[in-house]
PDB file of N, CA and C in Angstrom:
ATOM      1  N   MET A   1      83.134  68.676 -33.830  1.00  0.00           N
ATOM      2  CA  MET A   1      82.180  67.571 -33.408  1.00  0.00           C
ATOM      3  C   MET A   1      82.378  66.136 -34.329  1.00  0.00           C
ATOM      4  N   THR A   2      83.058  65.258 -33.486  1.00  0.00           N
ATOM      5  CA  THR A   2      83.306  64.081 -34.343  1.00  0.00           C
ATOM      6  C   THR A   2      82.374  63.210 -35.118  1.00  0.00           C
ATOM      7  N   ASN A   3      82.465  62.245 -35.592  1.00  0.00           N
ATOM      8  CA  ASN A   3      81.250  61.906 -36.285  1.00  0.00           C
ATOM      9  C   ASN A   3      80.463  60.940 -35.228  1.00  0.00           C
ATOM     10  N   MET A   4      81.321  60.175 -34.104  1.00  0.00           N
ATOM     11  CA  MET A   4      80.762  59.537 -33.027  1.00  0.00           C
ATOM     12  C   MET A   4      79.951  60.588 -32.330  1.00  0.00           C
ATOM     13  N   GLN A   5      80.459  61.477 -31.961  1.00  0.00           N
ATOM     14  CA  GLN A   5      79.699  62.578 -31.266  1.00  0.00           C
ATOM     15  C   GLN A   5      78.530  63.293 -31.820  1.00  0.00           C
ATOM     16  N   ALA A   6      79.037  63.427 -33.345  1.00  0.00           N
ATOM     17  CA  ALA A   6      77.070  63.569 -33.662  1.00  0.00           C
ATOM     18  C   ALA A   6      76.282  62.562 -34.067  1.00  0.00           C
ATOM     19  N   HIS A   7      76.602  61.390 -34.299  1.00  0.00           N
ATOM     20  CA  HIS A   7      75.704  59.858 -34.077  1.00  0.00           C
ATOM     21  C   HIS A   7      75.005  59.914 -32.641  1.00  0.00           C
ATOM     22  N   ILE A   8      75.958  59.751 -31.603  1.00  0.00           N
ATOM     23  CA  ILE A   8      75.394  59.696 -30.129  1.00  0.00           C
ATOM     24  C   ILE A   8      74.504  61.046 -29.987  1.00  0.00           C
ATOM     25  N   GLN A   9      74.568  62.071 -30.213  1.00  0.00           N
ATOM     26  CA  GLN A   9      73.674  63.100 -30.325  1.00  0.00           C
ATOM     27  C   GLN A   9      72.412  62.971 -30.619  1.00  0.00           C
ATOM     28  N   ALA A  10      72.352  62.493 -32.056  1.00  0.00           N
ATOM     29  CA  ALA A  10      71.142  62.552 -32.811  1.00  0.00           C
ATOM     30  C   ALA A  10      70.566  61.026 -31.978  1.00  0.00           C
ATOM     31  N   GLU A  11      71.343  60.050 -31.236  1.00  0.00           N
ATOM     32  CA  GLU A  11      70.378  59.141 -30.921  1.00  0.00           C
ATOM     33  C   GLU A  11      70.028  59.456 -29.426  1.00  0.00           C
ATOM     34  N   ILE A  12      70.501  60.700 -28.841  1.00  0.00           N
ATOM     35  CA  ILE A  12      69.850  61.057 -27.524  1.00  0.00           C
ATOM     36  C   ILE A  12      68.607  61.913 -27.982  1.00  0.00           C
ATOM     37  N   ARG A  13      68.519  62.867 -29.049  1.00  0.00           N
ATOM     38  CA  ARG A  13      67.719  63.523 -29.528  1.00  0.00           C
ATOM     39  C   ARG A  13      66.564  62.568 -29.779  1.00  0.00           C
ATOM     40  N   ASP A  14      66.573  61.467 -30.432  1.00  0.00           N
ATOM     41  CA  ASP A  14      65.857  60.190 -30.952  1.00  0.00           C
ATOM     42  C   ASP A  14      65.127  59.820 -29.829  1.00  0.00           C
ATOM     43  N   ALA A  15      65.892  59.523 -28.814  1.00  0.00           N
ATOM     44  CA  ALA A  15      65.246  58.677 -27.674  1.00  0.00           C
ATOM     45  C   ALA A  15      64.227  59.663 -26.977  1.00  0.00           C
ATOM     46  N   ASN A  16      64.723  60.861 -26.828  1.00  0.00           N
ATOM     47  CA  ASN A  16      63.813  62.154 -25.773  1.00  0.00           C
ATOM     48  C   ASN A  16      62.807  62.250 -26.558  1.00  0.00           C
ATOM     49  N   LEU A  17      62.520  62.556 -27.942  1.00  0.00           N
ATOM     50  CA  LEU A  17      61.723  62.824 -28.989  1.00  0.00           C
ATOM     51  C   LEU A  17      60.585  61.750 -28.710  1.00  0.00           C
ATOM     52  N   ALA A  18      61.151  60.510 -28.687  1.00  0.00           N
ATOM     53  CA  ALA A  18      60.054  59.485 -28.667  1.00  0.00           C
ATOM     54  C   ALA A  18      59.765  59.273 -27.176  1.00  0.00           C
ATOM     55  N   TYR A  19      60.488  59.311 -26.251  1.00  0.00           N
ATOM     56  CA  TYR A  19      60.182  59.365 -24.605  1.00  0.00           C
ATOM     57  C   TYR A  19      59.167  60.732 -24.541  1.00  0.00           C
ATOM     58  N   LEU A  20      59.482  61.897 -25.062  1.00  0.00           N
ATOM     59  CA  LEU A  20      58.187  62.909 -24.582  1.00  0.00           C
ATOM     60  C   LEU A  20      56.903  62.501 -25.300  1.00  0.00           C
ATOM     61  N   ASN A  21      56.929  62.298 -26.188  1.00  0.00           N
ATOM     62  CA  ASN A  21      55.985  61.537 -27.271  1.00  0.00           C
ATOM     63  C   ASN A  21      55.508  60.810 -26.422  1.00  0.00           C
ATOM     64  N   MET A  22      55.745  59.536 -26.141  1.00  0.00           N
ATOM     65  CA  MET A  22      54.923  58.528 -25.057  1.00  0.00           C
ATOM     66  C   MET A  22      54.662  58.998 -23.817  1.00  0.00           C
ATOM     67  N   ALA A  23      55.678  59.955 -23.342  1.00  0.00           N
ATOM     68  CA  ALA A  23      54.864  60.475 -21.827  1.00  0.00           C
ATOM     69  C   ALA A  23      53.862  61.162 -22.099  1.00  0.00           C
ATOM     70  N   GLN A  24      53.863  62.341 -23.210  1.00  0.00           N
ATOM     71  CA  GLN A  24      52.774  62.871 -23.357  1.00  0.00           C
ATOM     72  C   GLN A  24      51.437  61.958 -23.877  1.00  0.00           C
ATOM     73  N   ASN A  25      51.391  61.032 -24.178  1.00  0.00           N
ATOM     74  CA  ASN A  25      50.633  59.973 -24.539  1.00  0.00           C
ATOM     75  C   ASN A  25      49.311  59.769 -23.601  1.00  0.00           C
ATOM     76  N   LEU A  26      50.698  59.071 -22.652  1.00  0.00           N
ATOM     77  CA  LEU A  26      50.190  58.252 -21.288  1.00  0.00           C
ATOM     78  C   LEU A  26      49.598  59.502 -20.687  1.00  0.00           C
ATOM     79  N   ILE A  27      50.146  60.443 -20.178  1.00  0.00           N
ATOM     80  CA  ILE A  27      49.497  61.161 -19.469  1.00  0.00           C
ATOM     81  C   ILE A  27      48.168  61.737 -19.984  1.00  0.00           C
ATOM     82  N   ARG A  28      47.756  61.963 -21.016  1.00  0.00           N
ATOM     83  CA  ARG A  28      46.654  62.303 -22.084  1.00  0.00           C
ATOM     84  C   ARG A  28      45.636  61.374 -21.654  1.00  0.00           C
ATOM     85  N   GLN A  29      45.965  59.942 -21.336  1.00  0.00           N
ATOM     86  CA  GLN A  29      45.149  58.976 -21.675  1.00  0.00           C
ATOM     87  C   GLN A  29      44.554  58.598 -19.927  1.00  0.00           C
ATOM     88  N   ASP A  30      45.626  58.440 -19.222  1.00  0.00           N
ATOM     89  CA  ASP A  30      45.216  57.849 -18.000  1.00  0.00           C
ATOM     90  C   ASP A  30      46.292  58.961 -17.154  1.00  0.00           C
ATOM     91  N   LEU A  31      46.247  60.050 -16.220  1.00  0.00           N
ATOM     92  CA  LEU A  31      47.130  60.673 -16.015  1.00  0.00           C
ATOM     93  C   LEU A  31      47.518  60.202 -14.330  1.00  0.00           C
ATOM     94  N   PRO A  32      46.823  59.486 -13.513  1.00  0.00           N
ATOM     95  CA  PRO A  32      47.331  58.789 -12.369  1.00  0.00           C
ATOM     96  C   PRO A  32      48.253  57.608 -12.991  1.00  0.00           C
ATOM     97  N   SER A  33      47.842  56.505 -13.729  1.00  0.00           N
ATOM     98  CA  SER A  33      48.917  55.756 -13.881  1.00  0.00           C
ATOM     99  C   SER A  33      50.188  56.334 -14.603  1.00  0.00           C
ATOM    100  N   ALA A  34      49.911  57.320 -15.109  1.00  0.00           N
ATOM    101  CA  ALA A  34      51.211  57.484 -16.312  1.00  0.00           C
ATOM    102  C   ALA A  34      51.919  58.571 -15.012  1.00  0.00           C
ATOM    103  N   LEU A  35      51.552  58.743 -14.027  1.00  0.00           N
ATOM    104  CA  LEU A  35      52.855  59.713 -12.996  1.00  0.00           C
ATOM    105  C   LEU A  35      53.275  58.455 -12.220  1.00  0.00           C
ATOM    106  N   LYS A  36      52.552  56.884 -12.169  1.00  0.00           N
ATOM    107  CA  LYS A  36      53.522  56.272 -11.183  1.00  0.00           C
ATOM    108  C   LYS A  36      54.648  55.744 -12.176  1.00  0.00           C
ATOM    109  N   ILE A  37      54.076  55.178 -13.809  1.00  0.00           N
ATOM    110  CA  ILE A  37      54.963  54.681 -14.441  1.00  0.00           C
ATOM    111  C   ILE A  37      56.137  55.618 -14.694  1.00  0.00           C
ATOM    112  N   LEU A  38      56.354  56.809 -15.119  1.00  0.00           N
ATOM    113  CA  LEU A  38      57.193  57.734 -15.708  1.00  0.00           C
ATOM    114  C   LEU A  38      57.669  58.051 -14.505  1.00  0.00           C
ATOM    115  N   GLY A  39      57.084  58.153 -13.090  1.00  0.00           N
ATOM    116  CA  GLY A  39      57.967  58.455 -11.897  1.00  0.00           C
ATOM    117  C   GLY A  39      58.073  60.033 -11.862  1.00  0.00           C
ATOM    118  N   MET A  40      56.844  60.809 -12.108  1.00  0.00           N
ATOM    119  CA  MET A  40      57.203  62.621 -12.136  1.00  0.00           C
ATOM    120  C   MET A  40      56.052  62.767 -11.280  1.00  0.00           C
ATOM    121  N   SER A  41      56.031  64.272 -11.101  1.00  0.00           N
ATOM    122  CA  SER A  41      55.426  64.925 -10.163  1.00  0.00           C
ATOM    123  C   SER A  41      54.289  65.444 -11.378  1.00  0.00           C
ATOM    124  N   GLU A  42      52.949  65.585 -10.645  1.00  0.00           N
ATOM    125  CA  GLU A  42      51.512  65.774 -11.380  1.00  0.00           C
ATOM    126  C   GLU A  42      51.978  67.408 -12.317  1.00  0.00           C
ATOM    127  N   ASP A  43      52.643  68.242 -11.634  1.00  0.00           N
ATOM    128  CA  ASP A  43      52.956  69.183 -12.394  1.00  0.00           C
ATOM    129  C   ASP A  43      54.058  69.390 -13.673  1.00  0.00           C
ATOM    130  N   ALA A  44      54.816  68.401 -13.471  1.00  0.00           N
ATOM    131  CA  ALA A  44      55.909  67.794 -14.657  1.00  0.00           C
ATOM    132  C   ALA A  44      54.343  67.349 -15.518  1.00  0.00           C
ATOM    133  N   ALA A  45      53.797  66.635 -15.235  1.00  0.00           N
ATOM    134  CA  ALA A  45      53.057  66.235 -16.346  1.00  0.00           C
ATOM    135  C   ALA A  45      52.139  67.171 -16.761  1.00  0.00           C
ATOM    136  N   GLU A  46      51.849  67.885 -16.246  1.00  0.00           N
ATOM    137  CA  GLU A  46      50.971  69.013 -16.782  1.00  0.00           C
ATOM    138  C   GLU A  46      51.816  69.882 -18.203  1.00  0.00           C
ATOM    139  N   ILE A  47      53.184  70.041 -17.217  1.00  0.00           N
ATOM    140  CA  ILE A  47      54.004  70.673 -18.342  1.00  0.00           C
ATOM    141  C   ILE A  47      54.140  70.135 -19.938  1.00  0.00           C
ATOM    142  N   ILE A  48      54.632  68.702 -19.481  1.00  0.00           N
ATOM    143  CA  ILE A  48      54.388  67.743 -20.722  1.00  0.00           C
ATOM    144  C   ILE A  48      53.428  67.775 -21.167  1.00  0.00           C
ATOM    145  N   LYS A  49      52.182  67.634 -21.099  1.00  0.00           N
ATOM    146  CA  LYS A  49      51.211  67.295 -21.518  1.00  0.00           C
ATOM    147  C   LYS A  49      50.693  68.388 -22.718  1.00  0.00           C
ATOM    148  N   THR A  50      51.393  69.876 -22.108  1.00  0.00           N
ATOM    149  CA  THR A  50      50.987  70.923 -22.921  1.00  0.00           C
ATOM    150  C   THR A  50      51.906  71.448 -24.037  1.00  0.00           C
ATOM    151  N   LEU A  51      53.106  70.743 -24.274  1.00  0.00           N
ATOM    152  CA  LEU A  51      54.124  71.090 -25.017  1.00  0.00           C
ATOM    153  C   LEU A  51      53.753  70.890 -26.633  1.00  0.00           C
ATOM    154  N   SER A  52      54.222  72.404 -27.351  1.00  0.00           N
ATOM    155  CA  SER A  52      53.645  71.870 -28.653  1.00  0.00           C
ATOM    156  C   SER A  52      55.114  70.763 -29.645  1.00  0.00           C
ATOM    157  N   GLU A  53      54.616  70.370 -30.740  1.00  0.00           N
ATOM    158  CA  GLU A  53      56.074  70.133 -31.434  1.00  0.00           C
ATOM    159  C   GLU A  53      57.113  70.159 -31.457  1.00  0.00           C
ATOM    160  N   SER A  54      57.475  71.605 -31.519  1.00  0.00           N
ATOM    161  CA  SER A  54      58.477  72.588 -31.637  1.00  0.00           C
ATOM    162  C   SER A  54      59.010  72.740 -30.448  1.00  0.00           C
ATOM    163  N   GLN A  55      57.930  72.402 -29.139  1.00  0.00           N
ATOM    164  CA  GLN A  55      58.614  72.441 -28.131  1.00  0.00           C
ATOM    165  C   GLN A  55      59.233  71.347 -27.596  1.00  0.00           C
ATOM    166  N   LYS A  56      58.529  70.222 -27.910  1.00  0.00           N
ATOM    167  CA  LYS A  56      59.416  69.058 -27.990  1.00  0.00           C
ATOM    168  C   LYS A  56      60.881  68.673 -28.798  1.00  0.00           C
ATOM    169  N   ALA A  57      60.370  69.309 -30.313  1.00  0.00           N
ATOM    170  CA  ALA A  57      61.884  69.044 -30.947  1.00  0.00           C
ATOM    171  C   ALA A  57      63.449  69.627 -29.961  1.00  0.00           C
ATOM    172  N   SER A  58      62.473  70.958 -29.658  1.00  0.00           N
ATOM    173  CA  SER A  58      63.787  72.031 -29.181  1.00  0.00           C
ATOM    174  C   SER A  58      64.660  71.139 -27.545  1.00  0.00           C
ATOM    175  N   ILE A  59      63.001  70.710 -26.475  1.00  0.00           N
ATOM    176  CA  ILE A  59      63.946  69.783 -25.574  1.00  0.00           C
ATOM    177  C   ILE A  59      64.730  68.445 -25.815  1.00  0.00           C
ATOM    178  N   ALA A  60      64.097  67.741 -27.153  1.00  0.00           N
ATOM    179  CA  ALA A  60      64.534  66.683 -27.325  1.00  0.00           C
ATOM    180  C   ALA A  60      66.329  66.763 -28.129  1.00  0.00           C
ATOM    181  N   SER A  61      66.493  68.197 -28.326  1.00  0.00           N
ATOM    182  CA  SER A  61      67.837  68.463 -28.873  1.00  0.00           C
ATOM    183  C   SER A  61      68.575  68.316 -27.955  1.00  0.00           C
ATOM    184  N   SER A  62      68.668  68.486 -26.672  1.00  0.00           N
ATOM    185  CA  SER A  62      69.339  68.504 -25.318  1.00  0.00           C
ATOM    186  C   SER A  62      70.713  67.671 -25.515  1.00  0.00           C
ATOM    187  N   ASP A  63      71.401  67.665 -24.784  1.00  0.00           N
ATOM    188  CA  ASP A  63      72.601  66.846 -24.530  1.00  0.00           C
ATOM    189  C   ASP A  63      71.940  65.741 -23.545  1.00  0.00           C
ATOM    190  N   ILE A  64      70.917  66.467 -22.815  1.00  0.00           N
ATOM    191  CA  ILE A  64      70.841  65.549 -21.810  1.00  0.00           C
ATOM    192  C   ILE A  64      69.427  64.349 -21.797  1.00  0.00           C
ATOM    193  N   LEU A  65      69.830  63.363 -21.603  1.00  0.00           N
ATOM    194  CA  LEU A  65      68.902  61.903 -21.954  1.00  0.00           C
ATOM    195  C   LEU A  65      68.038  61.817 -20.909  1.00  0.00           C
ATOM    196  N   LEU A  66      66.505  62.473 -21.211  1.00  0.00           N
ATOM    197  CA  LEU A  66      65.370  62.810 -20.482  1.00  0.00           C
ATOM    198  C   LEU A  66      64.753  61.709 -19.668  1.00  0.00           C
ATOM    199  N   CYS A  67      64.647  60.566 -20.169  1.00  0.00           N
ATOM    200  CA  CYS A  67      64.406  59.289 -19.378  1.00  0.00           C
ATOM    201  C   CYS A  67      65.711  58.740 -18.739  1.00  0.00           C
ATOM    202  N   ARG A  68      65.444  57.727 -17.887  1.00  0.00           N
ATOM    203  CA  ARG A  68      66.152  56.958 -17.345  1.00  0.00           C
ATOM    204  C   ARG A  68      65.348  55.623 -16.868  1.00  0.00           C
ATOM    205  N   PHE A  69      66.615  54.705 -16.916  1.00  0.00           N
ATOM    206  CA  PHE A  69      66.620  53.676 -16.274  1.00  0.00           C
ATOM    207  C   PHE A  69      65.849  53.318 -15.466  1.00  0.00           C
ATOM    208  N   GLY A  70      64.706  52.517 -15.091  1.00  0.00           N
ATOM    209  CA  GLY A  70      64.074  52.756 -13.020  1.00  0.00           C
ATOM    210  C   GLY A  70      64.510  51.492 -13.006  1.00  0.00           C
ATOM    211  N   VAL A  71      65.060  50.563 -13.604  1.00  0.00           N
ATOM    212  CA  VAL A  71      65.625  49.152 -13.017  1.00  0.00           C
ATOM    213  C   VAL A  71      67.339  49.396 -12.745  1.00  0.00           C
ATOM    214  N   SER A  72      67.884  49.273 -11.695  1.00  0.00           N
ATOM    215  CA  SER A  72      69.051  49.410 -10.890  1.00  0.00           C
ATOM    216  C   SER A  72      69.409  48.214 -10.317  1.00  0.00           C
ATOM    217  N   ASP A  73      68.831  47.309 -10.420  1.00  0.00           N
ATOM    218  CA  ASP A  73      69.171  45.952  -9.809  1.00  0.00           C
ATOM    219  C   ASP A  73      69.616  45.336 -10.482  1.00  0.00           C
ATOM    220  N   ASP A  74      70.844  44.554 -10.209  1.00  0.00           N
ATOM    221  CA  ASP A  74      71.132  43.629 -10.874  1.00  0.00           C
ATOM    222  C   ASP A  74      70.766  42.335 -10.610  1.00  0.00           C
ATOM    223  N   VAL A  75      69.732  42.004  -9.694  1.00  0.00           N
ATOM    224  CA  VAL A  75      69.010  40.679  -9.574  1.00  0.00           C
ATOM    225  C   VAL A  75      68.270  40.944 -10.680  1.00  0.00           C
ATOM    226  N   VAL A  76      67.101  42.033 -10.703  1.00  0.00           N
ATOM    227  CA  VAL A  76      65.765  42.035 -11.536  1.00  0.00           C
ATOM    228  C   VAL A  76      66.529  41.909 -12.907  1.00  0.00           C
ATOM    229  N   TRP A  77      67.586  42.285 -13.319  1.00  0.00           N
ATOM    230  CA  TRP A  77      68.303  42.888 -14.610  1.00  0.00           C
ATOM    231  C   TRP A  77      68.568  41.109 -14.821  1.00  0.00           C
ATOM    232  N   GLY A  78      68.906  40.544 -14.137  1.00  0.00           N
ATOM    233  CA  GLY A  78      69.634  38.909 -14.445  1.00  0.00           C
ATOM    234  C   GLY A  78      68.343  38.423 -14.632  1.00  0.00           C
ATOM    235  N   LEU A  79      67.331  38.563 -13.826  1.00  0.00           N
ATOM    236  CA  LEU A  79      65.624  37.846 -14.279  1.00  0.00           C
ATOM    237  C   LEU A  79      65.496  37.982 -15.657  1.00  0.00           C
ATOM    238  N   LEU A  80      65.381  39.685 -15.759  1.00  0.00           N
ATOM    239  CA  LEU A  80      64.733  40.010 -16.750  1.00  0.00           C
ATOM    240  C   LEU A  80      65.529  39.151 -18.628  1.00  0.00           C
ATOM    241  N   THR A  81      67.179  39.179 -18.076  1.00  0.00           N
ATOM    242  CA  THR A  81      67.472  38.743 -19.169  1.00  0.00           C
ATOM    243  C   THR A  81      68.032  37.502 -19.375  1.00  0.00           C
ATOM    244  N   SER A  82      67.764  36.489 -18.253  1.00  0.00           N
ATOM    245  CA  SER A  82      68.253  35.204 -18.078  1.00  0.00           C
ATOM    246  C   SER A  82      67.505  34.370 -19.258  1.00  0.00           C
ATOM    247  N   HIS A  83      67.970  33.233 -19.563  1.00  0.00           N
ATOM    248  CA  HIS A  83      67.344  32.454 -20.187  1.00  0.00           C
ATOM    249  C   HIS A  83      67.046  30.920 -19.894  1.00  0.00           C
ATOM    250  N   PRO A  84      66.067  30.951 -19.330  1.00  0.00           N
ATOM    251  CA  PRO A  84      65.650  29.536 -18.397  1.00  0.00           C
ATOM    252  C   PRO A  84      65.548  28.212 -19.464  1.00  0.00           C
ATOM    253  N   ALA A  85      65.052  27.395 -19.229  1.00  0.00           N
ATOM    254  CA  ALA A  85      64.917  26.251 -19.714  1.00  0.00           C
ATOM    255  C   ALA A  85      63.494  26.566 -20.798  1.00  0.00           C
ATOM    256  N   PRO A  86      63.558  26.295 -22.145  1.00  0.00           N
ATOM    257  CA  PRO A  86      62.444  26.501 -22.816  1.00  0.00           C
ATOM    258  C   PRO A  86      61.379  26.055 -22.582  1.00  0.00           C
ATOM    259  N   LYS A  87      60.668  26.429 -21.193  1.00  0.00           N
ATOM    260  CA  LYS A  87      59.370  25.896 -20.665  1.00  0.00           C
ATOM    261  C   LYS A  87      58.723  27.307 -20.428  1.00  0.00           C
ATOM    262  N   PRO A  88      57.711  27.373 -21.237  1.00  0.00           N
ATOM    263  CA  PRO A  88      56.638  29.029 -20.988  1.00  0.00           C
ATOM    264  C   PRO A  88      56.511  29.056 -19.569  1.00  0.00           C
ATOM    265  N   GLU A  89      56.054  27.867 -18.570  1.00  0.00           N
ATOM    266  CA  GLU A  89      55.847  28.541 -17.636  1.00  0.00           C
ATOM    267  C   GLU A  89      57.168  28.751 -16.785  1.00  0.00           C
ATOM    268  N   ALA A  90      58.182  28.353 -17.191  1.00  0.00           N
ATOM    269  CA  ALA A  90      59.420  28.590 -16.248  1.00  0.00           C
ATOM    270  C   ALA A  90      60.173  30.490 -16.793  1.00  0.00           C
ATOM    271  N   GLU A  91      59.530  30.486 -18.026  1.00  0.00           N
ATOM    272  CA  GLU A  91      59.584  32.009 -18.262  1.00  0.00           C
ATOM    273  C   GLU A  91      58.469  32.706 -17.783  1.00  0.00           C
ATOM    274  N   ARG A  92      57.555  32.561 -17.483  1.00  0.00           N
ATOM    275  CA  ARG A  92      56.178  33.278 -17.209  1.00  0.00           C
ATOM    276  C   ARG A  92      56.408  33.609 -15.439  1.00  0.00           C
ATOM    277  N   ALA A  93      57.301  32.527 -14.835  1.00  0.00           N
ATOM    278  CA  ALA A  93      57.455  32.820 -13.633  1.00  0.00           C
ATOM    279  C   ALA A  93      58.628  33.618 -13.263  1.00  0.00           C
ATOM    280  N   THR A  94      59.843  33.542 -14.321  1.00  0.00           N
ATOM    281  CA  THR A  94      60.841  34.427 -14.006  1.00  0.00           C
ATOM    282  C   THR A  94      60.368  35.790 -14.195  1.00  0.00           C
ATOM    283  N   ARG A  95      59.249  35.856 -15.454  1.00  0.00           N
ATOM    284  CA  ARG A  95      58.722  37.483 -15.228  1.00  0.00           C
ATOM    285  C   ARG A  95      57.985  37.907 -14.312  1.00  0.00           C
ATOM    286  N   LEU A  96      57.452  36.856 -13.848  1.00  0.00           N
ATOM    287  CA  LEU A  96      56.785  37.457 -12.567  1.00  0.00           C
ATOM    288  C   LEU A  96      57.277  37.769 -11.485  1.00  0.00           C
ATOM    289  N   LEU A  97      58.735  36.916 -11.168  1.00  0.00           N
ATOM    290  CA  LEU A  97      59.184  37.370 -10.143  1.00  0.00           C
ATOM    291  C   LEU A  97      59.980  38.691 -10.140  1.00  0.00           C
ATOM    292  N   ALA A  98      60.542  38.825 -11.469  1.00  0.00           N
ATOM    293  CA  ALA A  98      60.964  40.307 -11.726  1.00  0.00           C
ATOM    294  C   ALA A  98      59.858  41.357 -11.644  1.00  0.00           C
ATOM    295  N   ASP A  99      58.598  41.129 -12.060  1.00  0.00           N
ATOM    296  CA  ASP A  99      57.906  42.195 -12.042  1.00  0.00           C
ATOM    297  C   ASP A  99      57.366  42.688 -10.601  1.00  0.00           C
ATOM    298  N   ILE A 100      57.590  41.398  -9.571  1.00  0.00           N
ATOM    299  CA  ILE A 100      57.370  41.651  -8.152  1.00  0.00           C
ATOM    300  C   ILE A 100      58.300  42.102  -7.757  1.00  0.00           C
ATOM    301  N   LEU A 101      59.690  42.000  -7.859  1.00  0.00           N
ATOM    302  CA  LEU A 101      60.713  42.686  -7.139  1.00  0.00           C
ATOM    303  C   LEU A 101      60.588  44.239  -7.813  1.00  0.00           C
ATOM    304  N   LEU A 102      60.233  44.625  -8.994  1.00  0.00           N
ATOM    305  CA  LEU A 102      60.353  45.612  -9.465  1.00  0.00           C
ATOM    306  C   LEU A 102      59.048  46.929  -8.780  1.00  0.00           C
ATOM    307  N   ALA A 103      57.752  45.950  -8.547  1.00  0.00           N
ATOM    308  CA  ALA A 103      56.601  46.953  -8.279  1.00  0.00           C
ATOM    309  C   ALA A 103      56.964  46.868  -6.407  1.00  0.00           C
ATOM    310  N   GLY A 104      57.559  46.086  -5.794  1.00  0.00           N
ATOM    311  CA  GLY A 104      58.468  46.402  -4.604  1.00  0.00           C
ATOM    312  C   GLY A 104      59.044  47.748  -4.310  1.00  0.00           C
ATOM    313  N   ARG A 105      60.359  47.756  -5.317  1.00  0.00           N
ATOM    314  CA  ARG A 105      61.336  48.397  -5.363  1.00  0.00           C
ATOM    315  C   ARG A 105      60.363  50.146  -6.038  1.00  0.00           C
ATOM    316  N   MET A 106      59.398  50.218  -6.772  1.00  0.00           N
ATOM    317  CA  MET A 106      58.637  51.199  -7.029  1.00  0.00           C
ATOM    318  C   MET A 106      57.537  51.797  -6.013  1.00  0.00           C
ATOM    319  N   THR A 107      57.262  51.098  -5.365  1.00  0.00           N
ATOM    320  CA  THR A 107      56.239  51.554  -4.237  1.00  0.00           C
ATOM    321  C   THR A 107      57.410  51.755  -2.914  1.00  0.00           C
ATOM    322  N   MET A 108      58.328  51.538  -2.658  1.00  0.00           N
ATOM    323  CA  MET A 108      59.308  51.874  -1.612  1.00  0.00           C
ATOM    324  C   MET A 108      59.851  53.130  -1.960  1.00  0.00           C
ATOM    325  N   ALA A 109      60.079  53.600  -3.721  1.00  0.00           N
ATOM    326  CA  ALA A 109      60.541  54.582  -3.873  1.00  0.00           C
ATOM    327  C   ALA A 109      59.172  55.755  -3.551  1.00  0.00           C
ATOM    328  N   ALA A 110      58.154  55.477  -3.748  1.00  0.00           N
ATOM    329  CA  ALA A 110      57.184  56.225  -4.145  1.00  0.00           C
ATOM    330  C   ALA A 110      57.012  57.012  -2.776  1.00  0.00           C
TER     331      ALA A 110
END
């Protein structure tokens, strides 16, 4: 394994562990919201909720990135990364439009 591959694998492991910890906390605090935010079934959430620290570490060590970006739309990415005129109301309006587009896509996917 090259140094670059080892670095990428370590980054994936860290991202996976962070995702599992965040998911577990969300699921334990508010299951209905967690299911929507995480885009997973209740069965998957129950499994994640009961994972031990060693199980999370083992799963996180996989070569597969467990989470995915829910935003695959160029328009939404453009809105999220655009830098409008430095007016707070313009920035809020841009964010609001991005949120509306994302919410519509999430509703259609559900």
